[in-house]
C-alpha atoms as a PDB file:
ATOM      1  CA  MET A   1      -6.805  10.470  -3.716  1.00  0.00           C
ATOM      2  CA  LEU A   2      -4.560   7.795  -2.437  1.00  0.00           C
ATOM      3  CA  HIS A   3      -1.857   9.960  -0.868  1.00  0.00           C
ATOM      4  CA  ALA A   4      -3.790  13.200  -0.463  1.00  0.00           C
ATOM      5  CA  ALA A   5      -2.338  14.049   2.944  1.00  0.00           C
ATOM      6  CA  ALA A   6       1.223  13.515   1.726  1.00  0.00           C
ATOM      7  CA  ARG A   7       0.621  15.545  -1.427  1.00  0.00           C
ATOM      8  CA  LEU A   8      -0.841  18.446   0.526  1.00  0.00           C
ATOM      9  CA  LEU A   9       2.025  18.435   3.004  1.00  0.00           C
ATOM     10  CA  ALA A  10       4.640  18.182   0.244  1.00  0.00           C
ATOM     11  CA  GLY A  11       3.020  20.968  -1.737  1.00  0.00           C
ATOM     12  CA  VAL A  12       3.011  23.345   1.215  1.00  0.00           C
ATOM     13  CA  ALA A  13       6.469  22.388   2.492  1.00  0.00           C
ATOM     14  CA  THR A  14       8.220  22.811  -0.849  1.00  0.00           C
ATOM     15  CA  ARG A  15       6.927  26.344  -1.106  1.00  0.00           C
ATOM     16  CA  LEU A  16       8.336  27.247   2.311  1.00  0.00           C
ATOM     17  CA  ARG A  17      11.971  26.265   1.660  1.00  0.00           C
ATOM     18  CA  ARG A  18      14.196  24.208  -0.637  1.00  0.00           C
ATOM     19  CA  TYR A  19      14.968  20.637   0.399  1.00  0.00           C
ATOM     20  CA  THR A  20      18.149  18.646  -0.235  1.00  0.00           C
ATOM     21  CA  ALA A  21      18.559  14.886  -0.603  1.00  0.00           C
ATOM     22  CA  ALA A  22      19.854  14.714   2.965  1.00  0.00           C
ATOM     23  CA  ASP A  23      16.567  16.204   4.207  1.00  0.00           C
ATOM     24  CA  LEU A  24      14.643  13.336   2.632  1.00  0.00           C
ATOM     25  CA  VAL A  25      16.451  10.526   4.478  1.00  0.00           C
ATOM     26  CA  PRO A  26      14.088   9.016   7.080  1.00  0.00           C
ATOM     27  CA  GLN A  27      15.153   9.821  10.633  1.00  0.00           C
ATOM     28  CA  ASP A  28      13.132   7.025  12.250  1.00  0.00           C
ATOM     29  CA  HIS A  29      13.667   3.927  10.104  1.00  0.00           C
ATOM     30  CA  ALA A  30      11.157   1.792  12.074  1.00  0.00           C
ATOM     31  CA  ALA A  31       8.388   4.379  11.637  1.00  0.00           C
ATOM     32  CA  TRP A  32       9.189   4.654   7.933  1.00  0.00           C
ATOM     33  CA  GLN A  33       8.996   0.847   7.554  1.00  0.00           C
ATOM     34  CA  LYS A  34       5.656   0.814   9.374  1.00  0.00           C
ATOM     35  CA  LEU A  35       4.280   3.508   7.055  1.00  0.00           C
ATOM     36  CA  ARG A  36       5.474   1.597   3.955  1.00  0.00           C
ATOM     37  CA  GLN A  37       3.754  -1.581   5.219  1.00  0.00           C
ATOM     38  CA  ALA A  38       0.493   0.294   5.745  1.00  0.00           C
ATOM     39  CA  ILE A  39       0.681   1.722   2.230  1.00  0.00           C
ATOM     40  CA  ARG A  40       1.396  -1.733   0.751  1.00  0.00           C
ATOM     41  CA  ARG A  41      -1.619  -3.181   2.606  1.00  0.00           C
ATOM     42  CA  ARG A  42      -3.880  -0.432   1.227  1.00  0.00           C
ATOM     43  CA  PHE A  43      -2.617  -1.079  -2.310  1.00  0.00           C
ATOM     44  CA  ALA A  44      -3.197  -4.832  -1.874  1.00  0.00           C
ATOM     45  CA  LEU A  45      -6.752  -4.300  -0.628  1.00  0.00           C
ATOM     46  CA  ARG A  46      -7.514  -1.989  -3.535  1.00  0.00           C
ATOM     47  CA  ALA A  47      -6.108  -4.543  -5.992  1.00  0.00           C
ATOM     48  CA  GLN A  48      -8.232  -7.318  -4.468  1.00  0.00           C
ATOM     49  CA  GLY A  49     -11.318  -5.146  -4.797  1.00  0.00           C
ATOM     50  CA  ARG A  50     -10.541  -4.444  -8.459  1.00  0.00           C
ATOM     51  CA  ARG A  51      -9.981  -8.137  -9.200  1.00  0.00           C
ATOM     52  CA  PHE A  52     -13.232  -9.056  -7.475  1.00  0.00           C
ATOM     53  CA  ARG A  53     -15.252  -6.407  -9.320  1.00  0.00           C
ATOM     54  CA  ARG A  54     -13.712  -7.394 -12.657  1.00  0.00           C
ATOM     55  CA  ASP A  55     -14.509 -11.143 -12.346  1.00  0.00           C
ATOM     56  CA  PRO A  56     -16.088 -12.190  -9.024  1.00  0.00           C
ATOM     57  CA  GLN A  57     -16.317 -15.890  -9.896  1.00  0.00           C
ATOM     58  CA  ALA A  58     -12.649 -16.223 -10.897  1.00  0.00           C
ATOM     59  CA  TYR A  59     -11.548 -14.223  -7.850  1.00  0.00           C
ATOM     60  CA  LEU A  60     -13.529 -16.423  -5.452  1.00  0.00           C
ATOM     61  CA  GLU A  61     -12.225 -19.596  -7.119  1.00  0.00           C
ATOM     62  CA  GLN A  62      -8.672 -18.325  -6.683  1.00  0.00           C
ATOM     63  CA  VAL A  63      -9.250 -17.469  -3.002  1.00  0.00           C
ATOM     64  CA  GLU A  64     -10.817 -20.881  -2.394  1.00  0.00           C
ATOM     65  CA  ALA A  65      -7.922 -22.682  -4.103  1.00  0.00           C
ATOM     66  CA  ALA A  66      -5.376 -20.736  -2.030  1.00  0.00           C
ATOM     67  CA  TYR A  67      -7.285 -21.527   1.166  1.00  0.00           C
ATOM     68  CA  LEU A  68      -7.497 -25.234   0.358  1.00  0.00           C
ATOM     69  CA  LYS A  69      -3.803 -25.342  -0.526  1.00  0.00           C
ATOM     70  CA  ARG A  70      -2.921 -23.932   2.907  1.00  0.00           C
ATOM     71  CA  ALA A  71      -5.527 -25.977   4.807  1.00  0.00           C
ATOM     72  CA  LEU A  72      -4.733 -29.372   3.344  1.00  0.00           C
ATOM     73  CA  PRO A  73      -1.455 -31.139   4.110  1.00  0.00           C
ATOM     74  CA  SER A  74       0.914 -31.646   1.192  1.00  0.00           C
END
């Protein structure tokens, strides 16, 4: 499960009391941003793995082309 910890916590918490929209607003915006970045990185890594498993040759050619584009001056 991708968000197992969050699902477990949400499942337990919603049975303890009712939540309003105001309760869902992040209190620490910086911590929330950091969490979102970590989740995006995990999604990106999973997507790269899927692309590689689907067609390793095409994936490696794409990575090489991107590397060469950055390494060589325009």
